[in-house]
């Protein structure tokens, strides 16, 4: 379809473009930005007056719950949530049931996502078979099936020798290993270790669970040369170690979840299960370090850490509740909130959810590598149109995701989040559009 987007504020962090203009789309590609060819005959015109026209968001961490956990989320509902949140490229974790350790499972998932045409899906393959931390998967076959990297999700690799072999093998083929740094023996607990968890009587996870794991990973990276992406850092100590590793030139990158940018352990309040997350929420000092580390580029990207959880698994005593929160539809708003509070210009904020995560994926994006997370003439037509002045209140009713639990459900207080997605375009087709009166 030929689409003309008129009178929008075009913001592309990768090129530094920030100004008014039009965007012409044809045959799933961006035909022109700024001036439209005089002979261009659109089949549809979108008036973007008052809207920001940005690259589609790239989210590096989401659980889609299919296969195996369809009672918590269906592929259709979660990709609809992605489109509603302006996300056009999505990385999903391998901890499904069964795990994504066989090429056939990966191919099936990608095929279903293509049929839905809501969002581009990039699966992570399981690093070890059944995520058991013992035998390595067939990484070459999984890559050929469509995996963009390899991960254990929340399942640890307790045997350092196995992790060393995995990184050595990945380095040989240029694959990226995605690791959530948490020591398997120190990481048992449901809240961050500290005075608050002690007062509530909750088992605590110490900061060294993260820093010990990071030190191990960095030593293995030095030895193997493997590229590692660190998932969902949570502590000031972790940020400091990452900063040192990057200064040394190690091939590492990292992300932080929207939850940990805005919340701390005190937000658990009176055992609110919506605040049960993995990694656990830490202290205000840790939150400040994460926010500053993201602002100065130590941390590369913001992720939604989208994890839909069913009612019967969430509405339990805090220590028994399943960790996780819905986040795809909140990614843009909470990124804008962080950027505003940090005093950053809009392009710098958007870079953390467009250009930067696309750079983390790099060549794994294949033919999309040159234009994902960017607005480029001749590049892929994945765009997010949003109203930066609009605000909205998060309630279960407005969420497209099958999971309705989020720490940011402010219906009782009336607190509103900034920015609202008006339209999402994927491969030149409208994947989501808010009704004018909504």
Protein backbone atom coordinates (compact mmCIF):
# COMPACT_ATOMS: atom_id res chain seq x y z
CA UNK A 1 0.00 0.00 0.00
CA UNK A 2 1.13 3.53 -0.80
CA UNK A 3 0.81 5.68 2.33
CA UNK A 4 1.50 9.38 2.77
CA UNK A 5 2.13 10.65 6.30
CA UNK A 6 1.71 14.42 6.30
CA UNK A 7 2.73 17.28 8.59
CA UNK A 8 4.43 15.20 11.28
CA UNK A 9 7.45 15.97 13.43
CA UNK A 10 9.96 13.52 11.98
CA UNK A 11 12.45 12.35 14.60
CA UNK A 12 15.20 9.90 13.67
CA UNK A 13 17.83 9.57 16.42
CA UNK A 14 20.26 7.70 14.17
CA UNK A 15 20.59 10.52 11.61
CA UNK A 16 19.87 13.42 13.94
CA UNK A 17 16.82 14.44 11.91
CA UNK A 18 14.25 16.39 13.91
CA UNK A 19 11.88 18.56 11.93
CA UNK A 20 8.53 18.83 10.22
CA UNK A 21 7.80 17.07 6.98
CA UNK A 22 6.07 14.27 5.12
CA UNK A 23 6.91 10.59 4.73
CA UNK A 24 5.97 8.59 1.64
CA UNK A 25 5.73 4.80 1.86
CA UNK A 26 5.44 2.32 -0.99
CA UNK A 27 5.96 -1.43 -1.30
CA UNK A 28 6.93 -1.85 2.38
CA UNK A 29 9.74 0.70 2.04
CA UNK A 30 10.19 4.38 2.85
CA UNK A 31 10.15 6.13 -0.50
CA UNK A 32 10.99 9.64 0.71
CA UNK A 33 11.36 11.69 3.89
CA UNK A 34 10.69 15.41 3.92
CA UNK A 35 9.67 16.17 0.38
CA UNK A 36 7.29 13.86 -1.47
CA UNK A 37 7.75 13.17 -5.19
CA UNK A 38 5.20 15.08 -7.25
CA UNK A 39 4.09 11.91 -9.04
CA UNK A 40 3.46 9.97 -5.81
CA UNK A 41 -0.20 8.88 -5.66
CA UNK A 42 -1.05 7.64 -2.16
CA UNK A 43 -3.81 5.15 -1.49
CA UNK A 44 -4.06 6.48 2.03
CA UNK A 45 -3.14 9.77 3.68
CA UNK A 46 -2.46 9.99 7.44
CA UNK A 47 -2.58 13.46 8.97
CA UNK A 48 0.22 13.52 11.56
CA UNK A 49 -0.27 17.11 12.69
CA UNK A 50 0.81 17.32 16.33
CA UNK A 51 2.33 13.82 16.19
CA UNK A 52 5.89 12.58 16.30
CA UNK A 53 6.82 10.29 13.41
CA UNK A 54 9.58 8.03 14.75
CA UNK A 55 11.17 4.69 13.87
CA UNK A 56 9.24 1.71 15.15
CA UNK A 57 10.34 0.71 18.64
CA UNK A 58 12.73 -2.22 19.09
CA UNK A 59 12.19 -4.23 22.29
CA UNK A 60 14.91 -6.67 23.34
CA UNK A 61 13.02 -8.59 26.03
CA UNK A 62 9.51 -10.02 25.97
CA UNK A 63 7.87 -13.28 26.89
CA UNK A 64 5.01 -14.13 24.54
CA UNK A 65 3.99 -17.20 26.57
CA UNK A 66 3.42 -19.39 23.53
CA UNK A 67 3.91 -22.32 23.27
CA UNK A 68 3.03 -23.83 26.61
CA UNK A 69 1.63 -20.93 28.66
CA UNK A 70 -1.31 -19.85 26.52
CA UNK A 71 -3.40 -19.22 29.64
CA UNK A 72 -1.06 -16.29 30.37
CA UNK A 73 -0.65 -14.99 26.85
CA UNK A 74 -1.40 -15.92 23.27
CA UNK A 75 0.83 -14.92 20.39
CA UNK A 76 -2.05 -12.98 18.85
CA UNK A 77 -2.82 -10.96 21.98
CA UNK A 78 0.82 -10.17 22.81
CA UNK A 79 1.77 -9.10 19.28
CA UNK A 80 -1.36 -6.91 19.26
CA UNK A 81 -0.05 -5.38 22.48
CA UNK A 82 3.31 -4.80 20.82
CA UNK A 83 1.68 -2.98 17.92
CA UNK A 84 -0.44 -0.92 20.32
CA UNK A 85 2.78 0.11 22.06
CA UNK A 86 4.52 1.16 18.86
CA UNK A 87 6.86 -1.85 18.92
CA UNK A 88 7.67 -3.10 15.43
CA UNK A 89 10.59 -5.42 16.24
CA UNK A 90 10.50 -7.75 19.22
CA UNK A 91 12.98 -10.20 20.73
CA UNK A 92 11.32 -13.08 22.59
CA UNK A 93 12.96 -15.24 25.22
CA UNK A 94 13.36 -19.02 24.87
CA UNK A 95 11.74 -20.11 28.15
CA UNK A 96 8.55 -21.42 26.58
CA UNK A 97 7.22 -24.95 27.13
CA UNK A 98 8.91 -26.68 25.45
CA UNK A 99 11.88 -24.29 25.31
CA UNK A 100 13.07 -22.95 21.97
CA UNK A 101 15.83 -25.51 21.58
CA UNK A 102 14.67 -27.12 18.32
CA UNK A 103 14.64 -25.46 14.86
CA UNK A 104 11.07 -26.61 14.20
CA UNK A 105 9.74 -24.70 17.21
CA UNK A 106 11.50 -21.52 16.11
CA UNK A 107 10.25 -21.82 12.54
CA UNK A 108 6.68 -22.40 13.74
CA UNK A 109 6.80 -19.34 15.98
CA UNK A 110 8.16 -17.09 13.24
CA UNK A 111 5.64 -18.42 10.73
CA UNK A 112 2.73 -17.65 13.04
CA UNK A 113 4.07 -14.17 13.73
CA UNK A 114 4.37 -13.44 10.01
CA UNK A 115 0.78 -14.53 9.44
CA UNK A 116 -0.43 -12.13 12.15
CA UNK A 117 1.49 -9.21 10.55
CA UNK A 118 1.55 -7.20 13.77
CA UNK A 119 5.23 -7.10 14.63
CA UNK A 120 8.56 -8.54 13.48
CA UNK A 121 9.56 -11.38 15.80
CA UNK A 122 13.18 -12.27 16.57
CA UNK A 123 13.48 -15.35 18.82
CA UNK A 124 16.39 -16.14 21.10
CA UNK A 125 17.32 -19.79 21.03
CA UNK A 126 17.99 -21.79 24.17
CA UNK A 127 21.70 -21.87 25.01
CA UNK A 128 21.44 -25.36 26.49
CA UNK A 129 18.99 -28.17 25.83
CA UNK A 130 15.78 -27.79 27.79
CA UNK A 131 17.51 -24.82 29.48
CA UNK A 132 19.01 -27.33 31.91
CA UNK A 133 22.50 -25.83 31.80
CA UNK A 134 24.22 -29.02 30.67
CA UNK A 135 24.36 -29.94 26.97
CA UNK A 136 24.68 -27.16 24.38
CA UNK A 137 22.02 -26.76 21.71
CA UNK A 138 22.71 -26.90 17.97
CA UNK A 139 23.37 -23.18 17.60
CA UNK A 140 24.02 -23.30 13.87
CA UNK A 141 20.71 -24.99 13.12
CA UNK A 142 18.82 -22.64 15.44
CA UNK A 143 20.42 -19.63 13.75
CA UNK A 144 19.40 -20.94 10.34
CA UNK A 145 15.85 -21.30 11.70
CA UNK A 146 15.81 -17.61 12.67
CA UNK A 147 17.34 -17.18 16.14
CA UNK A 148 19.23 -13.91 16.67
CA UNK A 149 21.18 -15.10 19.72
CA UNK A 150 21.18 -17.58 22.58
CA UNK A 151 19.95 -17.26 26.13
CA UNK A 152 19.08 -19.15 29.30
CA UNK A 153 16.37 -16.61 30.20
CA UNK A 154 16.10 -17.00 34.03
CA UNK A 155 17.55 -20.52 34.10
CA UNK A 156 21.15 -20.51 35.39
CA UNK A 157 24.18 -22.30 34.01
CA UNK A 158 25.65 -23.53 37.29
CA UNK A 159 28.63 -25.23 35.67
CA UNK A 160 31.15 -22.56 34.63
CA UNK A 161 32.84 -25.05 32.30
CA UNK A 162 29.59 -25.41 30.34
CA UNK A 163 29.25 -21.63 30.09
CA UNK A 164 32.87 -21.35 28.95
CA UNK A 165 32.26 -23.92 26.23
CA UNK A 166 29.09 -22.15 25.16
CA UNK A 167 30.86 -18.79 24.84
CA UNK A 168 33.78 -20.37 22.99
CA UNK A 169 31.43 -22.01 20.51
CA UNK A 170 29.40 -18.82 20.05
CA UNK A 171 32.58 -16.81 19.48
CA UNK A 172 33.65 -19.20 16.73
CA UNK A 173 30.51 -18.42 14.72
CA UNK A 174 30.06 -14.80 15.76
CA UNK A 175 26.87 -15.42 17.75
CA UNK A 176 25.79 -13.27 20.68
CA UNK A 177 25.00 -14.86 24.02
CA UNK A 178 22.36 -13.08 26.12
CA UNK A 179 22.83 -13.58 29.84
CA UNK A 180 20.93 -12.33 32.88
CA UNK A 181 23.71 -11.95 35.44
CA UNK A 182 22.66 -13.70 38.63
CA UNK A 183 24.68 -16.25 40.52
CA UNK A 184 22.76 -19.51 40.80
CA UNK A 185 23.63 -20.02 44.47
CA UNK A 186 23.32 -16.44 45.71
CA UNK A 187 20.18 -15.58 43.77
CA UNK A 188 17.55 -17.36 45.82
CA UNK A 189 15.05 -14.89 47.20
CA UNK A 190 12.01 -12.82 46.33
CA UNK A 191 13.13 -9.24 47.11
CA UNK A 192 16.34 -7.24 47.18
CA UNK A 193 18.38 -7.96 50.30
CA UNK A 194 18.30 -4.97 52.63
CA UNK A 195 16.49 -3.29 55.51
CA UNK A 196 13.16 -3.20 53.69
CA UNK A 197 13.11 -6.92 52.87
CA UNK A 198 14.19 -7.67 56.45
CA UNK A 199 11.31 -5.65 57.90
CA UNK A 200 8.84 -7.47 55.65
CA UNK A 201 10.35 -10.85 56.43
CA UNK A 202 11.11 -11.56 52.77
CA UNK A 203 14.04 -13.67 51.57
CA UNK A 204 16.58 -11.32 50.02
CA UNK A 205 18.73 -11.45 46.89
CA UNK A 206 22.04 -9.63 47.58
CA UNK A 207 23.71 -7.30 45.09
CA UNK A 208 26.67 -9.68 44.93
CA UNK A 209 24.39 -12.20 43.21
CA UNK A 210 24.64 -9.85 40.23
CA UNK A 211 28.21 -8.60 40.62
CA UNK A 212 29.73 -12.06 41.16
CA UNK A 213 27.98 -13.28 38.02
CA UNK A 214 29.20 -10.24 36.09
CA UNK A 215 32.79 -10.78 37.16
CA UNK A 216 32.58 -14.38 35.99
CA UNK A 217 31.05 -13.40 32.65
CA UNK A 218 33.67 -10.73 32.02
CA UNK A 219 36.51 -13.16 32.75
CA UNK A 220 35.00 -15.66 30.31
CA UNK A 221 34.58 -12.94 27.69
CA UNK A 222 38.24 -11.96 28.09
CA UNK A 223 39.25 -15.58 27.52
CA UNK A 224 36.89 -16.46 24.67
CA UNK A 225 36.29 -13.14 22.89
CA UNK A 226 32.56 -13.92 22.77
CA UNK A 227 30.04 -11.12 22.45
CA UNK A 228 27.65 -11.00 25.39
CA UNK A 229 24.52 -8.95 25.93
CA UNK A 230 23.70 -8.47 29.62
CA UNK A 231 20.00 -8.53 30.31
CA UNK A 232 18.17 -6.36 32.83
CA UNK A 233 20.87 -4.98 35.10
CA UNK A 234 19.49 -4.05 38.52
CA UNK A 235 22.25 -2.62 40.73
CA UNK A 236 24.67 0.27 41.07
CA UNK A 237 27.48 -2.24 41.49
CA UNK A 238 26.51 -3.89 38.22
CA UNK A 239 26.55 -0.55 36.38
CA UNK A 240 30.02 0.23 37.75
CA UNK A 241 31.40 -3.13 36.60
CA UNK A 242 29.82 -2.72 33.17
CA UNK A 243 31.36 0.74 32.83
CA UNK A 244 34.80 -0.72 33.58
CA UNK A 245 34.30 -3.57 31.11
CA UNK A 246 33.31 -1.19 28.32
CA UNK A 247 36.27 1.07 29.09
CA UNK A 248 38.47 -2.01 28.72
CA UNK A 249 36.93 -2.65 25.31
CA UNK A 250 35.16 -5.91 26.06
CA UNK A 251 32.46 -6.81 23.48
CA UNK A 252 29.52 -6.40 25.86
CA UNK A 253 26.24 -4.49 25.83
CA UNK A 254 23.41 -4.24 28.34
CA UNK A 255 19.81 -3.26 28.90
CA UNK A 256 17.59 -2.20 31.79
CA UNK A 257 13.87 -2.74 32.25
CA UNK A 258 11.32 0.06 32.41
CA UNK A 259 10.33 -1.19 35.87
CA UNK A 260 13.77 -0.68 37.41
CA UNK A 261 14.11 2.81 35.95
CA UNK A 262 11.12 4.06 37.92
CA UNK A 263 10.62 1.79 40.94
CA UNK A 264 12.57 0.74 44.03
CA UNK A 265 12.13 -1.79 46.80
CA UNK A 266 10.02 0.56 48.91
CA UNK A 267 7.34 0.41 46.21
CA UNK A 268 6.58 -3.14 47.32
CA UNK A 269 4.56 -1.43 50.05
CA UNK A 270 2.37 -3.88 51.88
CA UNK A 271 3.40 -6.96 49.89
CA UNK A 272 1.98 -5.77 46.54
CA UNK A 273 2.40 -8.81 44.24
CA UNK A 274 2.43 -6.55 41.16
CA UNK A 275 5.88 -5.48 42.39
CA UNK A 276 7.19 -9.06 42.37
CA UNK A 277 9.70 -8.88 39.53
CA UNK A 278 12.85 -10.64 38.38
CA UNK A 279 15.39 -9.23 39.04
CA UNK A 280 13.90 -7.81 42.23
CA UNK A 281 13.48 -4.06 42.70
CA UNK A 282 16.47 -2.63 44.53
CA UNK A 283 17.18 0.53 46.52
CA UNK A 284 16.90 4.13 45.39
CA UNK A 285 20.69 4.36 45.01
CA UNK A 286 20.59 1.46 42.57
CA UNK A 287 17.71 3.05 40.66
CA UNK A 288 19.63 6.33 40.37
CA UNK A 289 22.70 4.50 39.07
CA UNK A 290 20.62 2.68 36.46
CA UNK A 291 19.03 5.93 35.28
CA UNK A 292 22.38 7.70 35.05
CA UNK A 293 24.06 4.70 33.42
CA UNK A 294 21.41 4.68 30.74
CA UNK A 295 21.75 8.43 30.21
CA UNK A 296 25.54 8.33 29.79
CA UNK A 297 25.48 5.31 27.46
CA UNK A 298 26.93 2.72 29.83
CA UNK A 299 23.62 0.86 29.53
CA UNK A 300 22.60 0.63 25.88
CA UNK A 301 18.85 0.13 25.78
CA UNK A 302 15.54 0.12 27.63
CA UNK A 303 13.39 -3.02 27.48
CA UNK A 304 9.80 -3.69 28.45
CA UNK A 305 10.64 -7.03 30.14
CA UNK A 306 7.10 -7.94 29.11
CA UNK A 307 5.95 -10.97 31.13
CA UNK A 308 2.17 -11.49 31.21
CA UNK A 309 1.08 -13.34 34.34
CA UNK A 310 -2.29 -14.98 34.91
CA UNK A 311 -4.62 -13.82 37.69
CA UNK A 312 -4.34 -17.00 39.74
CA UNK A 313 -0.52 -16.85 39.60
CA UNK A 314 -0.27 -13.18 40.58
CA UNK A 315 -2.98 -12.77 43.20
CA UNK A 316 -1.07 -14.68 45.85
CA UNK A 317 1.06 -13.75 48.87
CA UNK A 318 4.11 -11.81 47.66
CA UNK A 319 6.63 -14.61 48.09
CA UNK A 320 4.40 -17.07 46.23
CA UNK A 321 3.31 -14.79 43.36
CA UNK A 322 4.80 -15.41 39.94
CA UNK A 323 7.32 -12.67 39.05
CA UNK A 324 6.65 -10.53 36.01
CA UNK A 325 4.62 -7.64 34.63
CA UNK A 326 3.01 -6.54 31.41
CA UNK A 327 5.13 -3.92 29.69
CA UNK A 328 4.89 -3.75 25.89
CA UNK A 329 2.24 -1.04 25.85
CA UNK A 330 4.07 0.99 28.50
CA UNK A 331 7.53 1.00 26.92
CA UNK A 332 7.20 4.30 25.04
CA UNK A 333 5.47 6.20 27.85
CA UNK A 334 7.88 5.10 30.55
CA UNK A 335 10.87 5.84 28.33
CA UNK A 336 9.49 9.34 27.71
CA UNK A 337 8.95 9.79 31.44
CA UNK A 338 12.56 8.80 32.16
CA UNK A 339 13.91 11.09 29.43
CA UNK A 340 11.89 14.05 30.65
CA UNK A 341 13.03 13.54 34.24
CA UNK A 342 16.65 13.28 33.07
CA UNK A 343 16.32 16.49 31.04
CA UNK A 344 17.14 14.74 27.75
CA UNK A 345 15.94 15.91 24.33
CA UNK A 346 13.35 13.71 22.64
CA UNK A 347 15.75 12.20 20.04
CA UNK A 348 18.15 11.07 22.79
CA UNK A 349 15.31 9.41 24.67
CA UNK A 350 13.95 7.67 21.58
CA UNK A 351 17.43 6.39 20.72
CA UNK A 352 17.27 4.04 23.71
CA UNK A 353 14.21 2.25 22.32
CA UNK A 354 15.00 2.44 18.59
CA UNK A 355 18.54 2.90 17.33
CA UNK A 356 20.41 1.48 20.34
CA UNK A 357 18.56 -1.85 20.64
CA UNK A 358 18.78 -2.30 16.87
CA UNK A 359 22.53 -1.80 17.19
CA UNK A 360 22.65 -4.52 19.86
CA UNK A 361 21.03 -6.93 17.40
CA UNK A 362 23.39 -5.84 14.63
CA UNK A 363 23.98 -8.26 11.81
CA UNK A 364 21.56 -10.77 13.35
CA UNK A 365 18.80 -8.64 11.80
CA UNK A 366 19.92 -9.78 8.34
CA UNK A 367 18.49 -7.60 5.57
CA UNK A 368 16.96 -5.28 8.17
CA UNK A 369 20.31 -4.46 9.79
CA UNK A 370 20.84 -1.25 7.81
CA UNK A 371 17.47 0.32 8.58
CA UNK A 372 15.85 -1.23 11.68
CA UNK A 373 15.33 1.38 14.38
CA UNK A 374 15.92 4.14 11.84
CA UNK A 375 14.09 6.24 9.27
CA UNK A 376 16.00 5.79 6.02
CA UNK A 377 14.92 6.43 2.45
CA UNK A 378 14.84 3.02 0.84
CA UNK A 379 14.79 1.39 4.27
CA UNK A 380 12.10 -0.71 5.87
CA UNK A 381 8.84 1.14 6.57
CA UNK A 382 8.50 0.41 10.30
CA UNK A 383 7.19 3.53 12.04
CA UNK A 384 5.58 4.67 15.26
CA UNK A 385 3.33 7.74 15.30
CA UNK A 386 2.61 9.10 18.76
CA UNK A 387 1.20 12.17 20.44
CA UNK A 388 3.86 13.51 22.84
CA UNK A 389 1.35 15.77 24.61
CA UNK A 390 -1.28 13.10 25.28
CA UNK A 391 -1.48 11.37 28.63
CA UNK A 392 -3.20 8.17 29.61
CA UNK A 393 -4.00 6.16 32.72
CA UNK A 394 -3.06 2.49 32.77
CA UNK A 395 -5.98 0.25 33.60
CA UNK A 396 -6.54 -3.44 32.86
CA UNK A 397 -9.32 -2.51 30.44
CA UNK A 398 -7.10 -0.49 28.09
CA UNK A 399 -4.35 -3.10 27.81
CA UNK A 400 -4.35 -5.33 24.73
CA UNK A 401 -2.09 -7.86 26.41
CA UNK A 402 -3.69 -10.92 27.97
CA UNK A 403 -1.67 -10.10 31.09
CA UNK A 404 -3.25 -7.25 33.05
CA UNK A 405 -0.79 -6.93 35.93
CA UNK A 406 1.66 -4.01 35.95
CA UNK A 407 3.19 -1.91 38.73
CA UNK A 408 1.99 1.15 36.82
CA UNK A 409 -1.76 0.53 37.04
CA UNK A 410 -2.60 3.90 38.54
CA UNK A 411 -6.39 3.80 38.21
CA UNK A 412 -6.79 4.37 41.96
CA UNK A 413 -4.64 7.50 42.02
CA UNK A 414 -5.39 8.96 38.62
CA UNK A 415 -1.69 9.26 37.78
CA UNK A 416 -1.22 9.56 34.01
CA UNK A 417 1.69 8.53 31.79
CA UNK A 418 2.99 10.75 28.96
CA UNK A 419 2.74 9.98 25.26
CA UNK A 420 0.21 7.85 23.40
CA UNK A 421 0.74 5.76 20.29
CA UNK A 422 -1.69 6.76 17.56
CA UNK A 423 -0.55 4.44 14.77
CA UNK A 424 2.02 1.73 14.15
CA UNK A 425 3.20 0.79 10.68
CA UNK A 426 5.01 -2.49 10.03
CA UNK A 427 6.48 -3.25 6.61
CA UNK A 428 4.42 -0.48 5.06
CA UNK A 429 1.08 -1.67 6.46
CA UNK A 430 -0.91 -0.22 9.35
CA UNK A 431 -0.65 -2.76 12.19
CA UNK A 432 -2.38 -0.61 14.81
CA UNK A 433 -4.42 2.59 14.78
CA UNK A 434 -6.27 4.32 17.58
CA UNK A 435 -9.76 5.51 16.69
CA UNK A 436 -9.94 9.33 16.46
CA UNK A 437 -12.28 9.56 19.42
CA UNK A 438 -10.39 7.08 21.63
